[in-house]
Amino acid sequence: MSRPHQNLDVLAVGTLTFDVVEAPDGSVAESLGGSAAFAAAGAARWGSVRMLGVVGPDYPVGALDDLRSMGIDTGGVRSSDRPTQRWHARYGGPGGGRTTVSSDRRILSDFRPVLSGKERRAGALLLGSVHPDVQRHVLEQWAGATDDRSGTGATLPPAGPSTVAGRVVALDSMMHWIEEWEESLRIILPSVTFLFGTTDELMALAGSPSAESAASALLNQGPRAIIEKRGAAGARAYYRVPGPTQPPQGTASRPLQEKDRIEVASIPAVPTTTVDPTGAGDAFCGGFLGHWLRHRASQGGTHRLEAAPVHEALGAGAQAGARAVSAPSWEGLSRGGSGLPR
């Protein structure tokens, strides 16, 4: 059952999928996955979270029961007549990376959810990897820029710092969305608190030759922190600290000023045996955000980014990512992972 909270700490938006995974040894495994499920599972340890996604009539009811048993509110899962998204990936290509073989995204073509009052009141919004138009559609409603109760998906006015001031927005994406829908992503960036991405994704989005230069460029487009997911090399956060003449830092975005400085925090990966490589990055996002929000609440709702809590949030994200890959599907997040500390 979901935890009895009056208001949600996190609304986690993304996909719910059937995953077909080809491992480096040539073996093929099928499991349940999706960015919404893994992100929500990563955040659920730290507070109340509702998952928002869409499934077809072929999706097993028991899977939602499993997620509810992890403390996730599944009341945000919508139903469609279209087949549930099926994602086929191959791991272990050049550089040890991942290649998407195919992805049936038809169910997302008309997915424009209308948020309930409970969803709109969530304290933080985690925009997991899903079509940028879905991310923006949800952001506009959550930020209060529009009610859009017609559900028509009509063009919405852009959200910005003024509409999300005092609230936290985390954004994750993937190379497909960056390459095909870059302009849609850029519309969202000014409203973002934490921008997550792999090294290659951040470099592609910024058009920069290195992660460091990409982080600097992206910080100038609005986000307060860039979180680089580095896989087996760990994770790194780049965040800006106002210079002495700047006003107090809030969640509202603004370009880098001359006296701002960029701080960097890094952590190594958590050692683990990889059973199922999917979902690690999504779980990382949820673990990072959930832990940071817990710290923020313990400090009276402060918006400041400081070294210790950022480093601890990176560690929480890395633990969630390691648990995600330690067992098939989201089983590692359900039971803590094989020998990993909770």
C-alpha atoms as a PDB file:
ATOM      1  CA  MET A   1       0.000   0.000   0.000  1.00  0.00           C
ATOM      2  CA  SER A   2       1.097   3.571  -0.588  1.00  0.00           C
ATOM      3  CA  ARG A   3       2.345   5.571   2.359  1.00  0.00           C
ATOM      4  CA  PRO A   4      -0.284   7.840   3.932  1.00  0.00           C
ATOM      5  CA  HIS A   5       1.037  11.299   3.049  1.00  0.00           C
ATOM      6  CA  GLN A   6      -1.283  14.242   2.538  1.00  0.00           C
ATOM      7  CA  ASN A   7       0.898  15.691  -0.208  1.00  0.00           C
ATOM      8  CA  LEU A   8       3.328  13.995  -2.548  1.00  0.00           C
ATOM      9  CA  ASP A   9       7.028  14.706  -2.223  1.00  0.00           C
ATOM     10  CA  VAL A  10       7.733  13.678  -5.837  1.00  0.00           C
ATOM     11  CA  LEU A  11       5.708  13.174  -9.008  1.00  0.00           C
ATOM     12  CA  ALA A  12       7.829  10.899 -11.234  1.00  0.00           C
ATOM     13  CA  VAL A  13       6.902  11.085 -14.921  1.00  0.00           C
ATOM     14  CA  GLY A  14       8.143   8.674 -17.565  1.00  0.00           C
ATOM     15  CA  THR A  15       7.574   5.367 -19.318  1.00  0.00           C
ATOM     16  CA  LEU A  16       6.434   1.893 -18.326  1.00  0.00           C
ATOM     17  CA  THR A  17       7.816  -0.715 -20.697  1.00  0.00           C
ATOM     18  CA  PHE A  18       8.493  -4.269 -21.676  1.00  0.00           C
ATOM     19  CA  ASP A  19      12.284  -4.497 -22.040  1.00  0.00           C
ATOM     20  CA  VAL A  20      14.153  -6.920 -24.285  1.00  0.00           C
ATOM     21  CA  VAL A  21      17.853  -6.844 -23.412  1.00  0.00           C
ATOM     22  CA  GLU A  22      20.745  -8.438 -25.299  1.00  0.00           C
ATOM     23  CA  ALA A  23      23.722  -8.901 -22.993  1.00  0.00           C
ATOM     24  CA  PRO A  24      27.381  -8.778 -24.125  1.00  0.00           C
ATOM     25  CA  ASP A  25      27.517 -12.585 -23.953  1.00  0.00           C
ATOM     26  CA  GLY A  26      24.691 -12.820 -26.496  1.00  0.00           C
ATOM     27  CA  SER A  27      21.990 -13.891 -24.064  1.00  0.00           C
ATOM     28  CA  VAL A  28      18.562 -12.269 -24.350  1.00  0.00           C
ATOM     29  CA  ALA A  29      16.272 -11.518 -21.414  1.00  0.00           C
ATOM     30  CA  GLU A  30      12.841  -9.928 -21.149  1.00  0.00           C
ATOM     31  CA  SER A  31      11.686  -7.942 -18.141  1.00  0.00           C
ATOM     32  CA  LEU A  32       9.489  -5.061 -17.033  1.00  0.00           C
ATOM     33  CA  GLY A  33      11.052  -1.628 -16.976  1.00  0.00           C
ATOM     34  CA  GLY A  34      10.540   2.016 -17.831  1.00  0.00           C
ATOM     35  CA  SER A  35      11.921   5.337 -16.650  1.00  0.00           C
ATOM     36  CA  ALA A  36       8.894   6.120 -14.461  1.00  0.00           C
ATOM     37  CA  ALA A  37       9.106   2.811 -12.607  1.00  0.00           C
ATOM     38  CA  PHE A  38      12.841   2.931 -11.924  1.00  0.00           C
ATOM     39  CA  ALA A  39      12.891   6.637 -11.033  1.00  0.00           C
ATOM     40  CA  ALA A  40       9.960   6.226  -8.642  1.00  0.00           C
ATOM     41  CA  ALA A  41      11.572   3.164  -7.072  1.00  0.00           C
ATOM     42  CA  GLY A  42      14.801   5.094  -6.557  1.00  0.00           C
ATOM     43  CA  ALA A  43      12.975   7.974  -4.862  1.00  0.00           C
ATOM     44  CA  ALA A  44      10.525   5.921  -2.794  1.00  0.00           C
ATOM     45  CA  ARG A  45      13.056   5.142  -0.070  1.00  0.00           C
ATOM     46  CA  TRP A  46      13.238   8.825   0.843  1.00  0.00           C
ATOM     47  CA  GLY A  47       9.629  10.010   0.744  1.00  0.00           C
ATOM     48  CA  SER A  48       6.250   9.780  -0.930  1.00  0.00           C
ATOM     49  CA  VAL A  49       6.257   9.392  -4.701  1.00  0.00           C
ATOM     50  CA  ARG A  50       3.580   8.932  -7.341  1.00  0.00           C
ATOM     51  CA  MET A  51       4.436   7.380 -10.687  1.00  0.00           C
ATOM     52  CA  LEU A  52       2.868   8.896 -13.818  1.00  0.00           C
ATOM     53  CA  GLY A  53       2.997   6.864 -17.018  1.00  0.00           C
ATOM     54  CA  VAL A  54       0.806   4.955 -19.452  1.00  0.00           C
ATOM     55  CA  VAL A  55       0.281   1.246 -20.100  1.00  0.00           C
ATOM     56  CA  GLY A  56      -1.736  -0.806 -22.553  1.00  0.00           C
ATOM     57  CA  PRO A  57      -4.166  -3.673 -21.958  1.00  0.00           C
ATOM     58  CA  ASP A  58      -1.241  -6.108 -22.234  1.00  0.00           C
ATOM     59  CA  TYR A  59       0.455  -4.791 -19.079  1.00  0.00           C
ATOM     60  CA  PRO A  60       0.342  -7.240 -16.131  1.00  0.00           C
ATOM     61  CA  VAL A  61      -1.695  -6.034 -13.161  1.00  0.00           C
ATOM     62  CA  GLY A  62       0.687  -7.818 -10.825  1.00  0.00           C
ATOM     63  CA  ALA A  63       3.493  -5.466 -11.836  1.00  0.00           C
ATOM     64  CA  LEU A  64       1.644  -2.510 -10.342  1.00  0.00           C
ATOM     65  CA  ASP A  65       1.064  -4.538  -7.178  1.00  0.00           C
ATOM     66  CA  ASP A  66       4.832  -5.054  -6.947  1.00  0.00           C
ATOM     67  CA  LEU A  67       5.463  -1.328  -7.293  1.00  0.00           C
ATOM     68  CA  ARG A  68       2.843  -0.503  -4.675  1.00  0.00           C
ATOM     69  CA  SER A  69       4.533  -2.914  -2.278  1.00  0.00           C
ATOM     70  CA  MET A  70       7.640  -0.713  -2.604  1.00  0.00           C
ATOM     71  CA  GLY A  71       5.706   2.291  -1.314  1.00  0.00           C
ATOM     72  CA  ILE A  72       5.032   3.809  -4.741  1.00  0.00           C
ATOM     73  CA  ASP A  73       1.681   5.456  -5.413  1.00  0.00           C
ATOM     74  CA  THR A  74       0.573   4.001  -8.759  1.00  0.00           C
ATOM     75  CA  GLY A  75      -2.555   6.145  -8.968  1.00  0.00           C
ATOM     76  CA  GLY A  76      -0.926   8.178 -11.729  1.00  0.00           C
ATOM     77  CA  VAL A  77      -0.688   5.266 -14.166  1.00  0.00           C
ATOM     78  CA  ARG A  78      -3.010   5.902 -17.114  1.00  0.00           C
ATOM     79  CA  SER A  79      -4.497   3.283 -19.447  1.00  0.00           C
ATOM     80  CA  SER A  80      -4.453   3.232 -23.238  1.00  0.00           C
ATOM     81  CA  ASP A  81      -5.874   0.979 -25.942  1.00  0.00           C
ATOM     82  CA  ARG A  82      -2.449   0.923 -27.596  1.00  0.00           C
ATOM     83  CA  PRO A  83       0.164  -1.742 -26.765  1.00  0.00           C
ATOM     84  CA  THR A  84       2.518  -0.999 -23.888  1.00  0.00           C
ATOM     85  CA  GLN A  85       5.835   0.428 -25.076  1.00  0.00           C
ATOM     86  CA  ARG A  86       8.340  -2.296 -25.964  1.00  0.00           C
ATOM     87  CA  TRP A  87      12.038  -1.397 -25.882  1.00  0.00           C
ATOM     88  CA  HIS A  88      14.804  -3.613 -27.321  1.00  0.00           C
ATOM     89  CA  ALA A  89      18.404  -2.763 -26.456  1.00  0.00           C
ATOM     90  CA  ARG A  90      21.815  -4.310 -27.032  1.00  0.00           C
ATOM     91  CA  TYR A  91      24.586  -3.828 -24.489  1.00  0.00           C
ATOM     92  CA  GLY A  92      28.320  -4.240 -24.994  1.00  0.00           C
ATOM     93  CA  GLY A  93      28.866  -2.472 -28.312  1.00  0.00           C
ATOM     94  CA  PRO A  94      31.822  -0.209 -29.113  1.00  0.00           C
ATOM     95  CA  GLY A  95      33.051   1.356 -25.883  1.00  0.00           C
ATOM     96  CA  GLY A  96      30.801  -0.918 -23.841  1.00  0.00           C
ATOM     97  CA  GLY A  97      27.764   1.249 -24.485  1.00  0.00           C
ATOM     98  CA  ARG A  98      24.123   0.603 -25.267  1.00  0.00           C
ATOM     99  CA  THR A  99      22.395   0.525 -28.638  1.00  0.00           C
ATOM    100  CA  THR A 100      18.641   0.772 -29.050  1.00  0.00           C
ATOM    101  CA  VAL A 101      17.625  -1.917 -31.541  1.00  0.00           C
ATOM    102  CA  SER A 102      13.965  -0.924 -31.641  1.00  0.00           C
ATOM    103  CA  SER A 103      11.359   0.882 -29.577  1.00  0.00           C
ATOM    104  CA  ASP A 104       7.608   0.813 -30.149  1.00  0.00           C
ATOM    105  CA  ARG A 105       6.536   4.214 -28.831  1.00  0.00           C
ATOM    106  CA  ARG A 106       3.050   4.350 -30.368  1.00  0.00           C
ATOM    107  CA  ILE A 107       1.460   4.567 -26.937  1.00  0.00           C
ATOM    108  CA  LEU A 108       3.177   7.936 -26.378  1.00  0.00           C
ATOM    109  CA  SER A 109       1.811   9.523 -29.572  1.00  0.00           C
ATOM    110  CA  ASP A 110      -1.349  10.797 -27.884  1.00  0.00           C
ATOM    111  CA  PHE A 111      -0.301  10.568 -24.232  1.00  0.00           C
ATOM    112  CA  ARG A 112      -1.104  13.996 -22.790  1.00  0.00           C
ATOM    113  CA  PRO A 113      -2.146  13.336 -19.178  1.00  0.00           C
ATOM    114  CA  VAL A 114      -4.299  15.828 -17.289  1.00  0.00           C
ATOM    115  CA  LEU A 115      -2.910  16.175 -13.781  1.00  0.00           C
ATOM    116  CA  SER A 116      -5.107  15.684 -10.756  1.00  0.00           C
ATOM    117  CA  GLY A 117      -5.041  18.170  -7.903  1.00  0.00           C
ATOM    118  CA  LYS A 118      -2.834  15.821  -5.893  1.00  0.00           C
ATOM    119  CA  GLU A 119      -0.355  15.563  -8.752  1.00  0.00           C
ATOM    120  CA  ARG A 120      -0.253  19.318  -9.268  1.00  0.00           C
ATOM    121  CA  ARG A 121       0.523  19.833  -5.568  1.00  0.00           C
ATOM    122  CA  ALA A 122       3.553  17.506  -5.553  1.00  0.00           C
ATOM    123  CA  GLY A 123       6.526  19.238  -3.985  1.00  0.00           C
ATOM    124  CA  ALA A 124       8.946  18.204  -6.735  1.00  0.00           C
ATOM    125  CA  LEU A 125       8.628  17.074 -10.329  1.00  0.00           C
ATOM    126  CA  LEU A 126      10.905  14.393 -11.771  1.00  0.00           C
ATOM    127  CA  LEU A 127      10.641  14.470 -15.550  1.00  0.00           C
ATOM    128  CA  GLY A 128      12.090  11.074 -16.427  1.00  0.00           C
ATOM    129  CA  SER A 129      13.167  10.042 -19.893  1.00  0.00           C
ATOM    130  CA  VAL A 130      10.075  10.301 -22.093  1.00  0.00           C
ATOM    131  CA  HIS A 131       9.028  12.391 -25.102  1.00  0.00           C
ATOM    132  CA  PRO A 132       9.908  16.065 -24.398  1.00  0.00           C
ATOM    133  CA  ASP A 133       6.396  17.144 -25.403  1.00  0.00           C
ATOM    134  CA  VAL A 134       5.004  14.941 -22.616  1.00  0.00           C
ATOM    135  CA  GLN A 135       7.533  16.424 -20.200  1.00  0.00           C
ATOM    136  CA  ARG A 136       6.534  19.949 -21.146  1.00  0.00           C
ATOM    137  CA  HIS A 137       2.818  19.166 -21.046  1.00  0.00           C
ATOM    138  CA  VAL A 138       3.136  17.910 -17.476  1.00  0.00           C
ATOM    139  CA  LEU A 139       5.463  20.730 -16.416  1.00  0.00           C
ATOM    140  CA  GLU A 140       3.069  23.437 -17.580  1.00  0.00           C
ATOM    141  CA  GLN A 141       0.206  22.001 -15.551  1.00  0.00           C
ATOM    142  CA  TRP A 142       2.314  21.312 -12.466  1.00  0.00           C
ATOM    143  CA  ALA A 143       3.774  24.826 -12.588  1.00  0.00           C
ATOM    144  CA  GLY A 144       0.263  26.274 -12.667  1.00  0.00           C
ATOM    145  CA  ALA A 145       0.698  27.954 -16.058  1.00  0.00           C
ATOM    146  CA  THR A 146      -2.447  26.281 -17.357  1.00  0.00           C
ATOM    147  CA  ASP A 147      -5.155  23.891 -16.295  1.00  0.00           C
ATOM    148  CA  ASP A 148      -5.673  22.437 -19.789  1.00  0.00           C
ATOM    149  CA  ARG A 149      -8.468  20.203 -18.564  1.00  0.00           C
ATOM    150  CA  SER A 150      -9.615  19.635 -22.110  1.00  0.00           C
ATOM    151  CA  GLY A 151      -6.788  17.129 -22.475  1.00  0.00           C
ATOM    152  CA  THR A 152      -6.385  18.165 -26.104  1.00  0.00           C
ATOM    153  CA  GLY A 153      -2.643  18.729 -25.880  1.00  0.00           C
ATOM    154  CA  ALA A 154      -3.032  22.248 -27.267  1.00  0.00           C
ATOM    155  CA  THR A 155       0.026  24.497 -27.373  1.00  0.00           C
ATOM    156  CA  LEU A 156       0.796  25.750 -23.886  1.00  0.00           C
ATOM    157  CA  PRO A 157       2.571  28.911 -22.747  1.00  0.00           C
ATOM    158  CA  PRO A 158       6.166  28.195 -21.727  1.00  0.00           C
ATOM    159  CA  ALA A 159       6.945  27.691 -18.071  1.00  0.00           C
ATOM    160  CA  GLY A 160       9.841  29.634 -16.676  1.00  0.00           C
ATOM    161  CA  PRO A 161      11.553  30.673 -13.466  1.00  0.00           C
ATOM    162  CA  SER A 162       8.564  32.742 -12.344  1.00  0.00           C
ATOM    163  CA  THR A 163       6.161  29.796 -12.544  1.00  0.00           C
ATOM    164  CA  VAL A 164       8.343  27.269 -10.687  1.00  0.00           C
ATOM    165  CA  ALA A 165      10.004  29.522  -8.099  1.00  0.00           C
ATOM    166  CA  GLY A 166      10.304  27.702  -4.787  1.00  0.00           C
ATOM    167  CA  ARG A 167       9.765  24.270  -6.363  1.00  0.00           C
ATOM    168  CA  VAL A 168      12.150  21.627  -7.640  1.00  0.00           C
ATOM    169  CA  VAL A 169      12.226  20.232 -11.183  1.00  0.00           C
ATOM    170  CA  ALA A 170      14.544  17.381 -12.201  1.00  0.00           C
ATOM    171  CA  LEU A 171      14.935  16.525 -15.891  1.00  0.00           C
ATOM    172  CA  ASP A 172      16.408  13.397 -17.452  1.00  0.00           C
ATOM    173  CA  SER A 173      16.487  12.455 -21.126  1.00  0.00           C
ATOM    174  CA  MET A 174      18.234  10.129 -23.579  1.00  0.00           C
ATOM    175  CA  MET A 175      20.136  10.493 -26.827  1.00  0.00           C
ATOM    176  CA  HIS A 176      17.109   9.764 -29.023  1.00  0.00           C
ATOM    177  CA  TRP A 177      15.148  12.702 -27.601  1.00  0.00           C
ATOM    178  CA  ILE A 178      18.195  14.984 -27.711  1.00  0.00           C
ATOM    179  CA  GLU A 179      18.881  14.193 -31.360  1.00  0.00           C
ATOM    180  CA  GLU A 180      15.276  14.317 -32.554  1.00  0.00           C
ATOM    181  CA  TRP A 181      13.603  16.847 -30.210  1.00  0.00           C
ATOM    182  CA  GLU A 182      16.392  19.168 -29.083  1.00  0.00           C
ATOM    183  CA  GLU A 183      14.355  22.367 -29.413  1.00  0.00           C
ATOM    184  CA  SER A 184      11.547  20.937 -27.291  1.00  0.00           C
ATOM    185  CA  LEU A 185      14.061  20.108 -24.574  1.00  0.00           C
ATOM    186  CA  ARG A 186      15.526  23.598 -24.678  1.00  0.00           C
ATOM    187  CA  ILE A 187      12.114  25.092 -23.933  1.00  0.00           C
ATOM    188  CA  ILE A 188      12.100  23.181 -20.647  1.00  0.00           C
ATOM    189  CA  LEU A 189      15.666  23.967 -19.513  1.00  0.00           C
ATOM    190  CA  PRO A 190      14.988  27.406 -17.956  1.00  0.00           C
ATOM    191  CA  SER A 191      12.610  25.761 -15.460  1.00  0.00           C
ATOM    192  CA  VAL A 192      14.995  22.985 -14.405  1.00  0.00           C
ATOM    193  CA  THR A 193      16.750  22.660 -11.059  1.00  0.00           C
ATOM    194  CA  PHE A 194      18.677  19.421 -11.738  1.00  0.00           C
ATOM    195  CA  LEU A 195      19.555  18.306 -15.283  1.00  0.00           C
ATOM    196  CA  PHE A 196      20.704  14.681 -15.539  1.00  0.00           C
ATOM    197  CA  GLY A 197      22.510  13.061 -18.448  1.00  0.00           C
ATOM    198  CA  THR A 198      25.284  10.714 -19.437  1.00  0.00           C
ATOM    199  CA  THR A 199      28.557  12.250 -20.561  1.00  0.00           C
ATOM    200  CA  ASP A 200      27.662  11.785 -24.231  1.00  0.00           C
ATOM    201  CA  GLU A 201      24.135  13.133 -23.759  1.00  0.00           C
ATOM    202  CA  LEU A 202      25.303  16.312 -22.033  1.00  0.00           C
ATOM    203  CA  MET A 203      27.961  16.924 -24.680  1.00  0.00           C
ATOM    204  CA  ALA A 204      25.392  16.409 -27.449  1.00  0.00           C
ATOM    205  CA  LEU A 205      22.827  18.723 -25.860  1.00  0.00           C
ATOM    206  CA  ALA A 206      25.402  21.456 -25.293  1.00  0.00           C
ATOM    207  CA  GLY A 207      27.310  20.899 -28.540  1.00  0.00           C
ATOM    208  CA  SER A 208      30.515  20.795 -26.483  1.00  0.00           C
ATOM    209  CA  PRO A 209      33.665  18.638 -26.761  1.00  0.00           C
ATOM    210  CA  SER A 210      33.897  17.731 -23.067  1.00  0.00           C
ATOM    211  CA  ALA A 211      31.664  17.173 -20.068  1.00  0.00           C
ATOM    212  CA  GLU A 212      33.180  20.169 -18.283  1.00  0.00           C
ATOM    213  CA  SER A 213      32.502  22.603 -21.116  1.00  0.00           C
ATOM    214  CA  ALA A 214      29.038  21.085 -21.616  1.00  0.00           C
ATOM    215  CA  ALA A 215      28.177  21.630 -17.962  1.00  0.00           C
ATOM    216  CA  SER A 216      29.289  25.256 -18.107  1.00  0.00           C
ATOM    217  CA  ALA A 217      27.243  25.882 -21.257  1.00  0.00           C
ATOM    218  CA  LEU A 218      24.131  24.172 -19.900  1.00  0.00           C
ATOM    219  CA  LEU A 219      24.310  25.989 -16.554  1.00  0.00           C
ATOM    220  CA  ASN A 220      24.092  29.202 -18.553  1.00  0.00           C
ATOM    221  CA  GLN A 221      20.770  28.012 -20.026  1.00  0.00           C
ATOM    222  CA  GLY A 222      18.985  27.821 -16.690  1.00  0.00           C
ATOM    223  CA  PRO A 223      19.568  24.633 -14.663  1.00  0.00           C
ATOM    224  CA  ARG A 224      21.100  25.124 -11.227  1.00  0.00           C
ATOM    225  CA  ALA A 225      23.019  21.859 -11.353  1.00  0.00           C
ATOM    226  CA  ILE A 226      24.187  19.431 -14.028  1.00  0.00           C
ATOM    227  CA  ILE A 227      24.438  15.819 -12.889  1.00  0.00           C
ATOM    228  CA  GLU A 228      26.716  13.723 -15.109  1.00  0.00           C
ATOM    229  CA  LYS A 229      25.954   9.999 -15.006  1.00  0.00           C
ATOM    230  CA  ARG A 230      29.279   8.303 -15.748  1.00  0.00           C
ATOM    231  CA  GLY A 231      28.355   4.623 -15.458  1.00  0.00           C
ATOM    232  CA  ALA A 232      31.228   2.520 -14.164  1.00  0.00           C
ATOM    233  CA  ALA A 233      33.196   5.731 -13.502  1.00  0.00           C
ATOM    234  CA  GLY A 234      30.624   7.005 -10.995  1.00  0.00           C
ATOM    235  CA  ALA A 235      28.876  10.380 -11.131  1.00  0.00           C
ATOM    236  CA  ARG A 236      29.709  14.057 -11.025  1.00  0.00           C
ATOM    237  CA  ALA A 237      27.728  17.187 -10.165  1.00  0.00           C
ATOM    238  CA  TYR A 238      28.451  20.663 -11.502  1.00  0.00           C
ATOM    239  CA  TYR A 239      26.575  23.395  -9.681  1.00  0.00           C
ATOM    240  CA  ARG A 240      26.809  27.118  -9.471  1.00  0.00           C
ATOM    241  CA  VAL A 241      27.400  29.149  -6.344  1.00  0.00           C
ATOM    242  CA  PRO A 242      26.557  32.868  -6.492  1.00  0.00           C
ATOM    243  CA  GLY A 243      29.381  35.340  -6.068  1.00  0.00           C
ATOM    244  CA  PRO A 244      29.404  37.605  -3.005  1.00  0.00           C
ATOM    245  CA  THR A 245      27.476  40.389  -4.732  1.00  0.00           C
ATOM    246  CA  GLN A 246      24.694  38.125  -6.026  1.00  0.00           C
ATOM    247  CA  PRO A 247      21.266  37.828  -4.382  1.00  0.00           C
ATOM    248  CA  PRO A 248      20.472  34.698  -2.306  1.00  0.00           C
ATOM    249  CA  GLN A 249      20.121  31.588  -4.414  1.00  0.00           C
ATOM    250  CA  GLY A 250      16.615  30.226  -4.994  1.00  0.00           C
ATOM    251  CA  THR A 251      15.185  27.644  -7.318  1.00  0.00           C
ATOM    252  CA  ALA A 252      14.426  30.248  -9.981  1.00  0.00           C
ATOM    253  CA  SER A 253      16.871  29.911 -12.850  1.00  0.00           C
ATOM    254  CA  ARG A 254      19.085  32.669 -14.175  1.00  0.00           C
ATOM    255  CA  PRO A 255      22.149  32.858 -16.440  1.00  0.00           C
ATOM    256  CA  LEU A 256      25.610  32.564 -14.904  1.00  0.00           C
ATOM    257  CA  GLN A 257      26.907  35.898 -13.654  1.00  0.00           C
ATOM    258  CA  GLU A 258      30.506  37.072 -13.816  1.00  0.00           C
ATOM    259  CA  LYS A 259      31.109  36.485 -10.100  1.00  0.00           C
ATOM    260  CA  ASP A 260      29.444  33.059 -10.020  1.00  0.00           C
ATOM    261  CA  ARG A 261      31.673  30.047  -9.602  1.00  0.00           C
ATOM    262  CA  ILE A 262      31.078  26.433 -10.590  1.00  0.00           C
ATOM    263  CA  GLU A 263      31.643  23.800  -7.920  1.00  0.00           C
ATOM    264  CA  VAL A 264      32.234  20.145  -8.798  1.00  0.00           C
ATOM    265  CA  ALA A 265      31.482  17.062  -6.695  1.00  0.00           C
ATOM    266  CA  SER A 266      32.403  13.522  -7.752  1.00  0.00           C
ATOM    267  CA  ILE A 267      31.841  10.007  -6.457  1.00  0.00           C
ATOM    268  CA  PRO A 268      32.983   6.584  -7.669  1.00  0.00           C
ATOM    269  CA  ALA A 269      30.554   3.902  -8.747  1.00  0.00           C
ATOM    270  CA  VAL A 270      29.244   1.445  -6.164  1.00  0.00           C
ATOM    271  CA  PRO A 271      30.793  -2.010  -6.740  1.00  0.00           C
ATOM    272  CA  THR A 272      28.168  -4.572  -7.682  1.00  0.00           C
ATOM    273  CA  THR A 273      27.550  -7.530  -9.950  1.00  0.00           C
ATOM    274  CA  THR A 274      25.399  -6.516 -12.903  1.00  0.00           C
ATOM    275  CA  VAL A 275      22.513  -8.891 -13.538  1.00  0.00           C
ATOM    276  CA  ASP A 276      20.255  -6.571 -15.579  1.00  0.00           C
ATOM    277  CA  PRO A 277      21.843  -3.313 -16.829  1.00  0.00           C
ATOM    278  CA  THR A 278      18.566  -1.482 -17.484  1.00  0.00           C
ATOM    279  CA  GLY A 279      17.164   1.197 -15.215  1.00  0.00           C
ATOM    280  CA  ALA A 280      20.367   2.221 -13.448  1.00  0.00           C
ATOM    281  CA  GLY A 281      20.318   5.804 -14.717  1.00  0.00           C
ATOM    282  CA  ASP A 282      16.625   6.281 -13.950  1.00  0.00           C
ATOM    283  CA  ALA A 283      17.017   4.864 -10.440  1.00  0.00           C
ATOM    284  CA  PHE A 284      20.038   7.131  -9.947  1.00  0.00           C
ATOM    285  CA  CYS A 285      17.899  10.189 -10.708  1.00  0.00           C
ATOM    286  CA  GLY A 286      15.231   9.100  -8.243  1.00  0.00           C
ATOM    287  CA  GLY A 287      17.726   8.297  -5.498  1.00  0.00           C
ATOM    288  CA  PHE A 288      19.562  11.597  -5.932  1.00  0.00           C
ATOM    289  CA  LEU A 289      16.413  13.710  -5.942  1.00  0.00           C
ATOM    290  CA  GLY A 290      14.766  11.852  -3.062  1.00  0.00           C
ATOM    291  CA  HIS A 291      17.816  12.209  -0.838  1.00  0.00           C
ATOM    292  CA  TRP A 292      18.316  15.874  -1.701  1.00  0.00           C
ATOM    293  CA  LEU A 293      14.681  16.632  -0.905  1.00  0.00           C
ATOM    294  CA  ARG A 294      15.002  14.820   2.429  1.00  0.00           C
ATOM    295  CA  HIS A 295      18.024  16.978   3.295  1.00  0.00           C
ATOM    296  CA  ARG A 296      16.225  20.103   2.129  1.00  0.00           C
ATOM    297  CA  ALA A 297      13.258  19.341   4.397  1.00  0.00           C
ATOM    298  CA  SER A 298      15.582  18.747   7.365  1.00  0.00           C
ATOM    299  CA  GLN A 299      17.069  22.208   6.808  1.00  0.00           C
ATOM    300  CA  GLY A 300      13.756  24.029   6.746  1.00  0.00           C
ATOM    301  CA  GLY A 301      13.303  24.006   2.983  1.00  0.00           C
ATOM    302  CA  THR A 302      16.588  25.666   2.020  1.00  0.00           C
ATOM    303  CA  HIS A 303      17.322  25.910  -1.686  1.00  0.00           C
ATOM    304  CA  ARG A 304      21.072  26.311  -1.349  1.00  0.00           C
ATOM    305  CA  LEU A 305      23.339  23.818  -3.072  1.00  0.00           C
ATOM    306  CA  GLU A 306      26.229  22.964  -0.767  1.00  0.00           C
ATOM    307  CA  ALA A 307      29.054  20.460  -1.050  1.00  0.00           C
ATOM    308  CA  ALA A 308      28.058  17.955   1.648  1.00  0.00           C
ATOM    309  CA  PRO A 309      24.383  17.437   0.700  1.00  0.00           C
ATOM    310  CA  VAL A 310      25.197  17.352  -3.023  1.00  0.00           C
ATOM    311  CA  HIS A 311      27.869  14.707  -2.395  1.00  0.00           C
ATOM    312  CA  GLU A 312      25.481  12.690  -0.212  1.00  0.00           C
ATOM    313  CA  ALA A 313      22.748  12.887  -2.856  1.00  0.00           C
ATOM    314  CA  LEU A 314      25.203  11.615  -5.469  1.00  0.00           C
ATOM    315  CA  GLY A 315      25.945   8.697  -3.163  1.00  0.00           C
ATOM    316  CA  ALA A 316      22.251   7.936  -2.719  1.00  0.00           C
ATOM    317  CA  GLY A 317      21.802   8.001  -6.475  1.00  0.00           C
ATOM    318  CA  ALA A 318      24.751   5.664  -6.997  1.00  0.00           C
ATOM    319  CA  GLN A 319      23.371   3.232  -4.419  1.00  0.00           C
ATOM    320  CA  ALA A 320      19.986   3.217  -6.168  1.00  0.00           C
ATOM    321  CA  GLY A 321      21.625   2.638  -9.540  1.00  0.00           C
ATOM    322  CA  ALA A 322      23.686  -0.254  -8.175  1.00  0.00           C
ATOM    323  CA  ARG A 323      20.622  -1.857  -6.609  1.00  0.00           C
ATOM    324  CA  ALA A 324      18.761  -1.507  -9.897  1.00  0.00           C
ATOM    325  CA  VAL A 325      21.308  -3.564 -11.828  1.00  0.00           C
ATOM    326  CA  SER A 326      21.848  -6.172  -9.095  1.00  0.00           C
ATOM    327  CA  ALA A 327      18.705  -8.144 -10.024  1.00  0.00           C
ATOM    328  CA  PRO A 328      16.230  -8.463 -12.922  1.00  0.00           C
ATOM    329  CA  SER A 329      13.748  -5.646 -13.545  1.00  0.00           C
ATOM    330  CA  TRP A 330      13.249  -3.571 -10.367  1.00  0.00           C
ATOM    331  CA  GLU A 331      13.715  -6.485  -7.939  1.00  0.00           C
ATOM    332  CA  GLY A 332      17.001  -5.071  -6.645  1.00  0.00           C
ATOM    333  CA  LEU A 333      15.293  -1.834  -5.638  1.00  0.00           C
ATOM    334  CA  SER A 334      12.500  -3.770  -3.975  1.00  0.00           C
ATOM    335  CA  ARG A 335      14.753  -5.809  -1.692  1.00  0.00           C
ATOM    336  CA  GLY A 336      17.738  -3.511  -1.426  1.00  0.00           C
ATOM    337  CA  GLY A 337      19.973  -5.288  -3.915  1.00  0.00           C
ATOM    338  CA  SER A 338      22.364  -8.174  -3.434  1.00  0.00           C
ATOM    339  CA  GLY A 339      24.455  -7.305  -0.406  1.00  0.00           C
ATOM    340  CA  LEU A 340      24.215  -3.564  -0.980  1.00  0.00           C
ATOM    341  CA  PRO A 341      23.675  -1.281   2.017  1.00  0.00           C
ATOM    342  CA  ARG A 342      20.304   0.329   2.442  1.00  0.00           C
END
